């Protein structure tokens, strides 16, 4: 089995970068206060919000399938993944640049779904 050193080094650098940033973010946080706050959270509301969020993503994927692909056979999973990637990009990048990520991801994943 061959080891891909480039991917391995990227993963190690990513984990180290994440660890350093998490350390800086939580350096002056009292863990007991965070734990006490987390014990008061109502998990029912969190579960409901997560389920509604995924339902909205599924509805968006169905909408994109209808708008972009028409009657052609498109892979629903690739549409859903593109929607999730775009949503992540909108949360991280400025100026709703996640929309560009969504289109780019969709064009790479499913060649049947192209803008008409």
PDB file of N, CA and C in Angstrom:
ATOM      1  N   UNK A   1       0.839  -1.169   0.000  1.00  0.00           N
ATOM      2  CA  UNK A   1       0.000   0.000   0.000  1.00  0.00           C
ATOM      3  C   UNK A   1       0.892   1.244   0.000  1.00  0.00           C
ATOM      4  N   UNK A   2       0.654   2.115  -0.969  1.00  0.00           N
ATOM      5  CA  UNK A   2       1.446   3.339  -1.091  1.00  0.00           C
ATOM      6  C   UNK A   2       0.866   4.446  -0.231  1.00  0.00           C
ATOM      7  N   UNK A   3       1.753   5.193   0.373  1.00  0.00           N
ATOM      8  CA  UNK A   3       1.342   6.324   1.186  1.00  0.00           C
ATOM      9  C   UNK A   3       1.489   7.588   0.347  1.00  0.00           C
ATOM     10  N   UNK A   4       0.425   8.367   0.293  1.00  0.00           N
ATOM     11  CA  UNK A   4       0.463   9.626  -0.426  1.00  0.00           C
ATOM     12  C   UNK A   4       0.941  10.700   0.556  1.00  0.00           C
ATOM     13  N   UNK A   5       2.217  11.065   0.442  1.00  0.00           N
ATOM     14  CA  UNK A   5       2.818  11.986   1.403  1.00  0.00           C
ATOM     15  C   UNK A   5       2.234  13.391   1.299  1.00  0.00           C
ATOM     16  N   UNK A   6       1.804  13.769   0.121  1.00  0.00           N
ATOM     17  CA  UNK A   6       1.238  15.098  -0.042  1.00  0.00           C
ATOM     18  C   UNK A   6      -0.075  15.229   0.719  1.00  0.00           C
ATOM     19  N   UNK A   7      -0.953  14.250   0.578  1.00  0.00           N
ATOM     20  CA  UNK A   7      -2.223  14.287   1.300  1.00  0.00           C
ATOM     21  C   UNK A   7      -2.002  14.147   2.802  1.00  0.00           C
ATOM     22  N   UNK A   8      -1.063  13.285   3.192  1.00  0.00           N
ATOM     23  CA  UNK A   8      -0.779  13.101   4.606  1.00  0.00           C
ATOM     24  C   UNK A   8      -0.249  14.380   5.229  1.00  0.00           C
ATOM     25  N   UNK A   9       0.659  15.051   4.524  1.00  0.00           N
ATOM     26  CA  UNK A   9       1.204  16.300   5.070  1.00  0.00           C
ATOM     27  C   UNK A   9       0.132  17.382   5.131  1.00  0.00           C
ATOM     28  N   UNK A  10      -0.761  17.441   4.144  1.00  0.00           N
ATOM     29  CA  UNK A  10      -1.856  18.408   4.191  1.00  0.00           C
ATOM     30  C   UNK A  10      -2.771  18.137   5.393  1.00  0.00           C
ATOM     31  N   UNK A  11      -3.065  16.870   5.654  1.00  0.00           N
ATOM     32  CA  UNK A  11      -3.930  16.523   6.783  1.00  0.00           C
ATOM     33  C   UNK A  11      -3.264  16.883   8.107  1.00  0.00           C
ATOM     34  N   UNK A  12      -1.971  16.609   8.232  1.00  0.00           N
ATOM     35  CA  UNK A  12      -1.252  16.926   9.467  1.00  0.00           C
ATOM     36  C   UNK A  12      -1.208  18.438   9.679  1.00  0.00           C
ATOM     37  N   UNK A  13      -0.928  19.190   8.634  1.00  0.00           N
ATOM     38  CA  UNK A  13      -0.900  20.652   8.745  1.00  0.00           C
ATOM     39  C   UNK A  13      -2.282  21.184   9.113  1.00  0.00           C
ATOM     40  N   UNK A  14      -3.324  20.614   8.532  1.00  0.00           N
ATOM     41  CA  UNK A  14      -4.687  21.027   8.852  1.00  0.00           C
ATOM     42  C   UNK A  14      -5.038  20.761  10.310  1.00  0.00           C
ATOM     43  N   UNK A  15      -4.668  19.582  10.824  1.00  0.00           N
ATOM     44  CA  UNK A  15      -4.938  19.264  12.223  1.00  0.00           C
ATOM     45  C   UNK A  15      -4.150  20.166  13.161  1.00  0.00           C
ATOM     46  N   UNK A  16      -2.891  20.426  12.841  1.00  0.00           N
ATOM     47  CA  UNK A  16      -2.082  21.315  13.681  1.00  0.00           C
ATOM     48  C   UNK A  16      -2.645  22.733  13.689  1.00  0.00           C
ATOM     49  N   UNK A  17      -3.031  23.219  12.521  1.00  0.00           N
ATOM     50  CA  UNK A  17      -3.617  24.560  12.405  1.00  0.00           C
ATOM     51  C   UNK A  17      -4.904  24.646  13.213  1.00  0.00           C
ATOM     52  N   UNK A  18      -5.741  23.624  13.119  1.00  0.00           N
ATOM     53  CA  UNK A  18      -6.990  23.587  13.877  1.00  0.00           C
ATOM     54  C   UNK A  18      -6.720  23.558  15.371  1.00  0.00           C
ATOM     55  N   UNK A  19      -5.741  22.756  15.793  1.00  0.00           N
ATOM     56  CA  UNK A  19      -5.416  22.663  17.219  1.00  0.00           C
ATOM     57  C   UNK A  19      -4.914  24.002  17.763  1.00  0.00           C
ATOM     58  N   UNK A  20      -4.066  24.682  17.003  1.00  0.00           N
ATOM     59  CA  UNK A  20      -3.551  25.982  17.448  1.00  0.00           C
ATOM     60  C   UNK A  20      -4.686  26.996  17.556  1.00  0.00           C
ATOM     61  N   UNK A  21      -5.559  27.039  16.558  1.00  0.00           N
ATOM     62  CA  UNK A  21      -6.667  27.996  16.603  1.00  0.00           C
ATOM     63  C   UNK A  21      -7.654  27.685  17.723  1.00  0.00           C
ATOM     64  N   UNK A  22      -7.925  26.395  17.964  1.00  0.00           N
ATOM     65  CA  UNK A  22      -8.802  26.036  19.078  1.00  0.00           C
ATOM     66  C   UNK A  22      -8.175  26.411  20.414  1.00  0.00           C
ATOM     67  N   UNK A  23      -6.873  26.220  20.538  1.00  0.00           N
ATOM     68  CA  UNK A  23      -6.179  26.617  21.762  1.00  0.00           C
ATOM     69  C   UNK A  23      -6.290  28.124  21.978  1.00  0.00           C
ATOM     70  N   UNK A  24      -6.071  28.900  20.930  1.00  0.00           N
ATOM     71  CA  UNK A  24      -6.179  30.352  21.053  1.00  0.00           C
ATOM     72  C   UNK A  24      -7.608  30.797  21.358  1.00  0.00           C
ATOM     73  N   UNK A  25      -8.586  30.108  20.784  1.00  0.00           N
ATOM     74  CA  UNK A  25      -9.977  30.491  20.989  1.00  0.00           C
ATOM     75  C   UNK A  25     -10.450  30.187  22.413  1.00  0.00           C
ATOM     76  N   UNK A  26      -9.979  29.081  22.990  1.00  0.00           N
ATOM     77  CA  UNK A  26     -10.462  28.659  24.302  1.00  0.00           C
ATOM     78  C   UNK A  26      -9.444  28.843  25.419  1.00  0.00           C
ATOM     79  N   UNK A  27      -8.440  29.670  25.194  1.00  0.00           N
ATOM     80  CA  UNK A  27      -7.372  29.835  26.181  1.00  0.00           C
ATOM     81  C   UNK A  27      -7.889  30.425  27.490  1.00  0.00           C
ATOM     82  N   UNK A  28      -8.774  31.391  27.429  1.00  0.00           N
ATOM     83  CA  UNK A  28      -9.244  32.071  28.633  1.00  0.00           C
ATOM     84  C   UNK A  28     -10.676  31.703  29.004  1.00  0.00           C
ATOM     85  N   UNK A  29     -11.126  30.542  28.564  1.00  0.00           N
ATOM     86  CA  UNK A  29     -12.495  30.110  28.831  1.00  0.00           C
ATOM     87  C   UNK A  29     -12.484  29.154  30.024  1.00  0.00           C
ATOM     88  N   UNK A  30     -13.392  29.406  30.968  1.00  0.00           N
ATOM     89  CA  UNK A  30     -13.529  28.512  32.113  1.00  0.00           C
ATOM     90  C   UNK A  30     -14.406  27.330  31.703  1.00  0.00           C
ATOM     91  N   UNK A  31     -13.844  26.151  31.721  1.00  0.00           N
ATOM     92  CA  UNK A  31     -14.537  24.947  31.249  1.00  0.00           C
ATOM     93  C   UNK A  31     -15.756  24.635  32.115  1.00  0.00           C
ATOM     94  N   UNK A  32     -15.690  24.924  33.410  1.00  0.00           N
ATOM     95  CA  UNK A  32     -16.837  24.637  34.283  1.00  0.00           C
ATOM     96  C   UNK A  32     -18.060  25.465  33.898  1.00  0.00           C
ATOM     97  N   UNK A  33     -17.850  26.708  33.518  1.00  0.00           N
ATOM     98  CA  UNK A  33     -18.966  27.560  33.103  1.00  0.00           C
ATOM     99  C   UNK A  33     -19.563  27.041  31.800  1.00  0.00           C
ATOM    100  N   UNK A  34     -18.705  26.625  30.874  1.00  0.00           N
ATOM    101  CA  UNK A  34     -19.185  26.062  29.608  1.00  0.00           C
ATOM    102  C   UNK A  34     -19.980  24.783  29.871  1.00  0.00           C
ATOM    103  N   UNK A  35     -19.472  23.915  30.752  1.00  0.00           N
ATOM    104  CA  UNK A  35     -20.172  22.672  31.075  1.00  0.00           C
ATOM    105  C   UNK A  35     -21.529  22.952  31.716  1.00  0.00           C
ATOM    106  N   UNK A  36     -21.564  23.901  32.649  1.00  0.00           N
ATOM    107  CA  UNK A  36     -22.844  24.251  33.287  1.00  0.00           C
ATOM    108  C   UNK A  36     -23.841  24.797  32.267  1.00  0.00           C
ATOM    109  N   UNK A  37     -23.366  25.580  31.331  1.00  0.00           N
ATOM    110  CA  UNK A  37     -24.254  26.118  30.292  1.00  0.00           C
ATOM    111  C   UNK A  37     -24.764  25.014  29.379  1.00  0.00           C
ATOM    112  N   UNK A  38     -23.904  24.066  29.035  1.00  0.00           N
ATOM    113  CA  UNK A  38     -24.315  22.975  28.150  1.00  0.00           C
ATOM    114  C   UNK A  38     -25.296  22.025  28.821  1.00  0.00           C
ATOM    115  N   UNK A  39     -25.244  21.906  30.133  1.00  0.00           N
ATOM    116  CA  UNK A  39     -26.204  21.025  30.814  1.00  0.00           C
ATOM    117  C   UNK A  39     -27.606  21.624  30.831  1.00  0.00           C
ATOM    118  N   UNK A  40     -27.729  22.932  30.610  1.00  0.00           N
ATOM    119  CA  UNK A  40     -29.037  23.576  30.614  1.00  0.00           C
ATOM    120  C   UNK A  40     -29.673  23.647  29.227  1.00  0.00           C
ATOM    121  N   UNK A  41     -28.992  23.146  28.219  1.00  0.00           N
ATOM    122  CA  UNK A  41     -29.494  23.210  26.848  1.00  0.00           C
ATOM    123  C   UNK A  41     -30.619  22.194  26.667  1.00  0.00           C
ATOM    124  N   UNK A  42     -31.661  22.599  25.966  1.00  0.00           N
ATOM    125  CA  UNK A  42     -32.761  21.679  25.646  1.00  0.00           C
ATOM    126  C   UNK A  42     -32.458  21.015  24.305  1.00  0.00           C
ATOM    127  N   UNK A  43     -32.143  19.735  24.361  1.00  0.00           N
ATOM    128  CA  UNK A  43     -31.740  19.003  23.166  1.00  0.00           C
ATOM    129  C   UNK A  43     -32.886  18.820  22.180  1.00  0.00           C
ATOM    130  N   UNK A  44     -34.125  18.917  22.653  1.00  0.00           N
ATOM    131  CA  UNK A  44     -35.270  18.782  21.755  1.00  0.00           C
ATOM    132  C   UNK A  44     -35.255  19.882  20.704  1.00  0.00           C
ATOM    133  N   UNK A  45     -34.999  21.102  21.143  1.00  0.00           N
ATOM    134  CA  UNK A  45     -34.982  22.226  20.201  1.00  0.00           C
ATOM    135  C   UNK A  45     -33.809  22.135  19.233  1.00  0.00           C
ATOM    136  N   UNK A  46     -32.685  21.669  19.708  1.00  0.00           N
ATOM    137  CA  UNK A  46     -31.524  21.507  18.824  1.00  0.00           C
ATOM    138  C   UNK A  46     -31.814  20.438  17.783  1.00  0.00           C
ATOM    139  N   UNK A  47     -32.405  19.327  18.212  1.00  0.00           N
ATOM    140  CA  UNK A  47     -32.758  18.264  17.272  1.00  0.00           C
ATOM    141  C   UNK A  47     -33.774  18.719  16.244  1.00  0.00           C
ATOM    142  N   UNK A  48     -34.767  19.474  16.685  1.00  0.00           N
ATOM    143  CA  UNK A  48     -35.757  20.007  15.746  1.00  0.00           C
ATOM    144  C   UNK A  48     -35.126  20.959  14.741  1.00  0.00           C
ATOM    145  N   UNK A  49     -34.262  21.829  15.210  1.00  0.00           N
ATOM    146  CA  UNK A  49     -33.645  22.791  14.289  1.00  0.00           C
ATOM    147  C   UNK A  49     -32.746  22.091  13.278  1.00  0.00           C
ATOM    148  N   UNK A  50     -32.020  21.074  13.708  1.00  0.00           N
ATOM    149  CA  UNK A  50     -31.165  20.329  12.774  1.00  0.00           C
ATOM    150  C   UNK A  50     -32.018  19.587  11.753  1.00  0.00           C
ATOM    151  N   UNK A  51     -33.113  18.982  12.201  1.00  0.00           N
ATOM    152  CA  UNK A  51     -33.964  18.251  11.252  1.00  0.00           C
ATOM    153  C   UNK A  51     -34.623  19.208  10.257  1.00  0.00           C
ATOM    154  N   UNK A  52     -35.072  20.375  10.710  1.00  0.00           N
ATOM    155  CA  UNK A  52     -35.642  21.349   9.781  1.00  0.00           C
ATOM    156  C   UNK A  52     -34.603  21.873   8.802  1.00  0.00           C
ATOM    157  N   UNK A  53     -33.382  22.044   9.270  1.00  0.00           N
ATOM    158  CA  UNK A  53     -32.306  22.496   8.388  1.00  0.00           C
ATOM    159  C   UNK A  53     -32.055  21.475   7.275  1.00  0.00           C
ATOM    160  N   UNK A  54     -31.977  20.199   7.630  1.00  0.00           N
ATOM    161  CA  UNK A  54     -31.753  19.176   6.601  1.00  0.00           C
ATOM    162  C   UNK A  54     -32.954  19.020   5.685  1.00  0.00           C
ATOM    163  N   UNK A  55     -34.151  19.220   6.213  1.00  0.00           N
ATOM    164  CA  UNK A  55     -35.334  19.177   5.351  1.00  0.00           C
ATOM    165  C   UNK A  55     -35.294  20.317   4.336  1.00  0.00           C
ATOM    166  N   UNK A  56     -34.833  21.503   4.761  1.00  0.00           N
ATOM    167  CA  UNK A  56     -34.733  22.624   3.822  1.00  0.00           C
ATOM    168  C   UNK A  56     -33.670  22.350   2.766  1.00  0.00           C
ATOM    169  N   UNK A  57     -32.578  21.685   3.158  1.00  0.00           N
ATOM    170  CA  UNK A  57     -31.551  21.321   2.175  1.00  0.00           C
ATOM    171  C   UNK A  57     -32.089  20.320   1.165  1.00  0.00           C
ATOM    172  N   UNK A  58     -32.863  19.357   1.627  1.00  0.00           N
ATOM    173  CA  UNK A  58     -33.472  18.387   0.718  1.00  0.00           C
ATOM    174  C   UNK A  58     -34.445  19.065  -0.245  1.00  0.00           C
ATOM    175  N   UNK A  59     -35.246  19.996   0.268  1.00  0.00           N
ATOM    176  CA  UNK A  59     -36.179  20.727  -0.607  1.00  0.00           C
ATOM    177  C   UNK A  59     -35.426  21.565  -1.641  1.00  0.00           C
ATOM    178  N   UNK A  60     -34.321  22.182  -1.223  1.00  0.00           N
ATOM    179  CA  UNK A  60     -33.517  22.953  -2.171  1.00  0.00           C
ATOM    180  C   UNK A  60     -32.916  22.062  -3.246  1.00  0.00           C
ATOM    181  N   UNK A  61     -32.474  20.865  -2.850  1.00  0.00           N
ATOM    182  CA  UNK A  61     -31.912  19.940  -3.829  1.00  0.00           C
ATOM    183  C   UNK A  61     -32.981  19.508  -4.831  1.00  0.00           C
ATOM    184  N   UNK A  62     -34.193  19.262  -4.360  1.00  0.00           N
ATOM    185  CA  UNK A  62     -35.283  18.915  -5.275  1.00  0.00           C
ATOM    186  C   UNK A  62     -35.592  20.074  -6.214  1.00  0.00           C
ATOM    187  N   UNK A  63     -35.579  21.285  -5.681  1.00  0.00           N
ATOM    188  CA  UNK A  63     -35.829  22.471  -6.505  1.00  0.00           C
ATOM    189  C   UNK A  63     -34.753  22.625  -7.581  1.00  0.00           C
ATOM    190  N   UNK A  64     -33.494  22.451  -7.203  1.00  0.00           N
ATOM    191  CA  UNK A  64     -32.408  22.557  -8.180  1.00  0.00           C
ATOM    192  C   UNK A  64     -32.518  21.469  -9.232  1.00  0.00           C
ATOM    193  N   UNK A  65     -32.931  20.280  -8.814  1.00  0.00           N
ATOM    194  CA  UNK A  65     -33.083  19.196  -9.792  1.00  0.00           C
ATOM    195  C   UNK A  65     -34.151  19.564 -10.815  1.00  0.00           C
ATOM    196  N   UNK A  66     -35.232  20.142 -10.356  1.00  0.00           N
ATOM    197  CA  UNK A  66     -36.319  20.515 -11.257  1.00  0.00           C
ATOM    198  C   UNK A  66     -35.917  21.676 -12.162  1.00  0.00           C
ATOM    199  N   UNK A  67     -35.247  22.691 -11.606  1.00  0.00           N
ATOM    200  CA  UNK A  67     -34.899  23.877 -12.382  1.00  0.00           C
ATOM    201  C   UNK A  67     -33.757  23.603 -13.357  1.00  0.00           C
ATOM    202  N   UNK A  68     -32.671  23.015 -12.856  1.00  0.00           N
ATOM    203  CA  UNK A  68     -31.469  22.877 -13.683  1.00  0.00           C
ATOM    204  C   UNK A  68     -31.504  21.674 -14.606  1.00  0.00           C
ATOM    205  N   UNK A  69     -32.056  20.588 -14.136  1.00  0.00           N
ATOM    206  CA  UNK A  69     -31.933  19.350 -14.882  1.00  0.00           C
ATOM    207  C   UNK A  69     -33.183  18.972 -15.649  1.00  0.00           C
ATOM    208  N   UNK A  70     -34.292  19.568 -15.341  1.00  0.00           N
ATOM    209  CA  UNK A  70     -35.523  19.259 -16.058  1.00  0.00           C
ATOM    210  C   UNK A  70     -35.898  17.802 -15.929  1.00  0.00           C
ATOM    211  N   UNK A  71     -36.095  17.158 -17.046  1.00  0.00           N
ATOM    212  CA  UNK A  71     -36.491  15.757 -17.046  1.00  0.00           C
ATOM    213  C   UNK A  71     -35.311  14.801 -17.160  1.00  0.00           C
ATOM    214  N   UNK A  72     -34.113  15.335 -17.282  1.00  0.00           N
ATOM    215  CA  UNK A  72     -32.943  14.468 -17.384  1.00  0.00           C
ATOM    216  C   UNK A  72     -32.706  13.763 -16.065  1.00  0.00           C
ATOM    217  N   UNK A  73     -32.031  12.625 -16.163  1.00  0.00           N
ATOM    218  CA  UNK A  73     -31.729  11.874 -14.960  1.00  0.00           C
ATOM    219  C   UNK A  73     -30.497  12.469 -14.294  1.00  0.00           C
ATOM    220  N   UNK A  74     -30.707  13.113 -13.199  1.00  0.00           N
ATOM    221  CA  UNK A  74     -29.602  13.692 -12.431  1.00  0.00           C
ATOM    222  C   UNK A  74     -29.462  12.927 -11.124  1.00  0.00           C
ATOM    223  N   UNK A  75     -28.268  12.872 -10.643  1.00  0.00           N
ATOM    224  CA  UNK A  75     -28.021  12.178  -9.395  1.00  0.00           C
ATOM    225  C   UNK A  75     -28.396  13.124  -8.248  1.00  0.00           C
ATOM    226  N   UNK A  76     -29.396  12.728  -7.472  1.00  0.00           N
ATOM    227  CA  UNK A  76     -29.897  13.570  -6.397  1.00  0.00           C
ATOM    228  C   UNK A  76     -28.835  13.788  -5.340  1.00  0.00           C
ATOM    229  N   UNK A  77     -28.023  12.763  -5.068  1.00  0.00           N
ATOM    230  CA  UNK A  77     -26.992  12.873  -4.043  1.00  0.00           C
ATOM    231  C   UNK A  77     -25.965  13.939  -4.404  1.00  0.00           C
ATOM    232  N   UNK A  78     -25.599  14.035  -5.680  1.00  0.00           N
ATOM    233  CA  UNK A  78     -24.639  15.064  -6.078  1.00  0.00           C
ATOM    234  C   UNK A  78     -25.250  16.457  -5.949  1.00  0.00           C
ATOM    235  N   UNK A  79     -26.536  16.578  -6.234  1.00  0.00           N
ATOM    236  CA  UNK A  79     -27.214  17.859  -6.025  1.00  0.00           C
ATOM    237  C   UNK A  79     -27.237  18.241  -4.543  1.00  0.00           C
ATOM    238  N   UNK A  80     -27.538  17.270  -3.707  1.00  0.00           N
ATOM    239  CA  UNK A  80     -27.590  17.532  -2.266  1.00  0.00           C
ATOM    240  C   UNK A  80     -26.213  17.945  -1.744  1.00  0.00           C
ATOM    241  N   UNK A  81     -25.167  17.250  -2.184  1.00  0.00           N
ATOM    242  CA  UNK A  81     -23.812  17.601  -1.752  1.00  0.00           C
ATOM    243  C   UNK A  81     -23.430  18.999  -2.210  1.00  0.00           C
ATOM    244  N   UNK A  82     -23.825  19.367  -3.396  1.00  0.00           N
ATOM    245  CA  UNK A  82     -23.524  20.708  -3.888  1.00  0.00           C
ATOM    246  C   UNK A  82     -24.254  21.772  -3.078  1.00  0.00           C
ATOM    247  N   UNK A  83     -25.486  21.492  -2.693  1.00  0.00           N
ATOM    248  CA  UNK A  83     -26.247  22.429  -1.861  1.00  0.00           C
ATOM    249  C   UNK A  83     -25.556  22.607  -0.510  1.00  0.00           C
ATOM    250  N   UNK A  84     -25.106  21.507   0.084  1.00  0.00           N
ATOM    251  CA  UNK A  84     -24.438  21.579   1.383  1.00  0.00           C
ATOM    252  C   UNK A  84     -23.120  22.350   1.266  1.00  0.00           C
ATOM    253  N   UNK A  85     -22.365  22.116   0.208  1.00  0.00           N
ATOM    254  CA  UNK A  85     -21.110  22.837  -0.008  1.00  0.00           C
ATOM    255  C   UNK A  85     -21.374  24.331  -0.168  1.00  0.00           C
ATOM    256  N   UNK A  86     -22.387  24.686  -0.920  1.00  0.00           N
ATOM    257  CA  UNK A  86     -22.730  26.091  -1.091  1.00  0.00           C
ATOM    258  C   UNK A  86     -23.166  26.742   0.207  1.00  0.00           C
ATOM    259  N   UNK A  87     -23.924  26.021   1.021  1.00  0.00           N
ATOM    260  CA  UNK A  87     -24.359  26.552   2.312  1.00  0.00           C
ATOM    261  C   UNK A  87     -23.162  26.785   3.224  1.00  0.00           C
ATOM    262  N   UNK A  88     -22.222  25.842   3.226  1.00  0.00           N
ATOM    263  CA  UNK A  88     -21.010  26.001   4.021  1.00  0.00           C
ATOM    264  C   UNK A  88     -20.218  27.213   3.538  1.00  0.00           C
ATOM    265  N   UNK A  89     -20.128  27.378   2.233  1.00  0.00           N
ATOM    266  CA  UNK A  89     -19.412  28.521   1.684  1.00  0.00           C
ATOM    267  C   UNK A  89     -20.078  29.837   2.037  1.00  0.00           C
ATOM    268  N   UNK A  90     -21.396  29.869   2.045  1.00  0.00           N
ATOM    269  CA  UNK A  90     -22.108  31.095   2.427  1.00  0.00           C
ATOM    270  C   UNK A  90     -21.875  31.446   3.887  1.00  0.00           C
ATOM    271  N   UNK A  91     -21.676  30.443   4.729  1.00  0.00           N
ATOM    272  CA  UNK A  91     -21.427  30.705   6.147  1.00  0.00           C
ATOM    273  C   UNK A  91     -19.998  31.164   6.404  1.00  0.00           C
ATOM    274  N   UNK A  92     -19.065  30.765   5.557  1.00  0.00           N
ATOM    275  CA  UNK A  92     -17.651  31.065   5.794  1.00  0.00           C
ATOM    276  C   UNK A  92     -17.170  32.240   4.958  1.00  0.00           C
ATOM    277  N   UNK A  93     -17.523  32.260   3.690  1.00  0.00           N
ATOM    278  CA  UNK A  93     -16.986  33.259   2.761  1.00  0.00           C
ATOM    279  C   UNK A  93     -17.869  34.503   2.695  1.00  0.00           C
ATOM    280  N   UNK A  94     -17.285  35.656   2.395  1.00  0.00           N
ATOM    281  CA  UNK A  94     -18.092  36.879   2.281  1.00  0.00           C
ATOM    282  C   UNK A  94     -18.808  36.967   0.942  1.00  0.00           C
ATOM    283  N   UNK A  95     -19.786  37.848   0.876  1.00  0.00           N
ATOM    284  CA  UNK A  95     -20.522  38.174  -0.352  1.00  0.00           C
ATOM    285  C   UNK A  95     -21.202  36.969  -0.986  1.00  0.00           C
ATOM    286  N   UNK A  96     -21.672  36.040  -0.166  1.00  0.00           N
ATOM    287  CA  UNK A  96     -22.383  34.848  -0.652  1.00  0.00           C
ATOM    288  C   UNK A  96     -21.602  34.121  -1.744  1.00  0.00           C
ATOM    289  N   UNK A  97     -20.313  34.000  -1.537  1.00  0.00           N
ATOM    290  CA  UNK A  97     -19.459  33.308  -2.495  1.00  0.00           C
ATOM    291  C   UNK A  97     -19.730  31.804  -2.511  1.00  0.00           C
ATOM    292  N   UNK A  98     -20.511  31.328  -1.571  1.00  0.00           N
ATOM    293  CA  UNK A  98     -20.889  29.921  -1.565  1.00  0.00           C
ATOM    294  C   UNK A  98     -21.718  29.531  -2.774  1.00  0.00           C
ATOM    295  N   UNK A  99     -22.398  30.508  -3.358  1.00  0.00           N
ATOM    296  CA  UNK A  99     -23.166  30.225  -4.571  1.00  0.00           C
ATOM    297  C   UNK A  99     -22.237  29.818  -5.707  1.00  0.00           C
ATOM    298  N   UNK A 100     -21.079  30.447  -5.783  1.00  0.00           N
ATOM    299  CA  UNK A 100     -20.103  30.053  -6.797  1.00  0.00           C
ATOM    300  C   UNK A 100     -19.543  28.665  -6.512  1.00  0.00           C
ATOM    301  N   UNK A 101     -19.311  28.376  -5.241  1.00  0.00           N
ATOM    302  CA  UNK A 101     -18.858  27.029  -4.873  1.00  0.00           C
ATOM    303  C   UNK A 101     -19.899  25.981  -5.239  1.00  0.00           C
ATOM    304  N   UNK A 102     -21.157  26.318  -5.024  1.00  0.00           N
ATOM    305  CA  UNK A 102     -22.245  25.391  -5.329  1.00  0.00           C
ATOM    306  C   UNK A 102     -22.277  25.054  -6.814  1.00  0.00           C
ATOM    307  N   UNK A 103     -22.186  26.074  -7.652  1.00  0.00           N
ATOM    308  CA  UNK A 103     -22.233  25.853  -9.100  1.00  0.00           C
ATOM    309  C   UNK A 103     -21.009  25.079  -9.563  1.00  0.00           C
ATOM    310  N   UNK A 104     -19.841  25.446  -9.020  1.00  0.00           N
ATOM    311  CA  UNK A 104     -18.609  24.748  -9.400  1.00  0.00           C
ATOM    312  C   UNK A 104     -18.663  23.279  -8.977  1.00  0.00           C
ATOM    313  N   UNK A 105     -19.130  23.032  -7.772  1.00  0.00           N
ATOM    314  CA  UNK A 105     -19.227  21.662  -7.281  1.00  0.00           C
ATOM    315  C   UNK A 105     -20.209  20.845  -8.113  1.00  0.00           C
ATOM    316  N   UNK A 106     -21.314  21.441  -8.452  1.00  0.00           N
ATOM    317  CA  UNK A 106     -22.320  20.730  -9.242  1.00  0.00           C
ATOM    318  C   UNK A 106     -21.817  20.421 -10.641  1.00  0.00           C
ATOM    319  N   UNK A 107     -21.098  21.361 -11.238  1.00  0.00           N
ATOM    320  CA  UNK A 107     -20.603  21.117 -12.594  1.00  0.00           C
ATOM    321  C   UNK A 107     -19.523  20.039 -12.607  1.00  0.00           C
ATOM    322  N   UNK A 108     -18.786  19.884 -11.516  1.00  0.00           N
ATOM    323  CA  UNK A 108     -17.758  18.843 -11.453  1.00  0.00           C
ATOM    324  C   UNK A 108     -18.354  17.484 -11.124  1.00  0.00           C
ATOM    325  N   UNK A 109     -19.417  17.459 -10.328  1.00  0.00           N
ATOM    326  CA  UNK A 109     -19.977  16.188  -9.863  1.00  0.00           C
ATOM    327  C   UNK A 109     -20.938  15.556 -10.855  1.00  0.00           C
ATOM    328  N   UNK A 110     -21.745  16.360 -11.509  1.00  0.00           N
ATOM    329  CA  UNK A 110     -22.797  15.816 -12.361  1.00  0.00           C
ATOM    330  C   UNK A 110     -22.798  16.542 -13.697  1.00  0.00           C
ATOM    331  N   UNK A 111     -22.184  15.958 -14.708  1.00  0.00           N
ATOM    332  CA  UNK A 111     -22.140  16.641 -16.005  1.00  0.00           C
ATOM    333  C   UNK A 111     -23.500  16.737 -16.681  1.00  0.00           C
ATOM    334  N   UNK A 112     -24.492  15.960 -16.231  1.00  0.00           N
ATOM    335  CA  UNK A 112     -25.823  16.049 -16.832  1.00  0.00           C
ATOM    336  C   UNK A 112     -26.523  17.338 -16.437  1.00  0.00           C
ATOM    337  N   UNK A 113     -26.190  17.865 -15.282  1.00  0.00           N
ATOM    338  CA  UNK A 113     -26.837  19.082 -14.787  1.00  0.00           C
ATOM    339  C   UNK A 113     -25.962  20.279 -15.124  1.00  0.00           C
ATOM    340  N   UNK A 114     -26.291  20.962 -16.143  1.00  0.00           N
ATOM    341  CA  UNK A 114     -25.580  22.165 -16.546  1.00  0.00           C
ATOM    342  C   UNK A 114     -26.603  23.280 -16.704  1.00  0.00           C
ATOM    343  N   UNK A 115     -26.129  24.520 -16.618  1.00  0.00           N
ATOM    344  CA  UNK A 115     -27.033  25.634 -16.853  1.00  0.00           C
ATOM    345  C   UNK A 115     -27.517  25.598 -18.305  1.00  0.00           C
ATOM    346  N   UNK A 116     -28.785  25.909 -18.477  1.00  0.00           N
ATOM    347  CA  UNK A 116     -29.351  25.902 -19.826  1.00  0.00           C
ATOM    348  C   UNK A 116     -29.611  27.306 -20.285  1.00  0.00           C
TER     349      UNK A 116
END
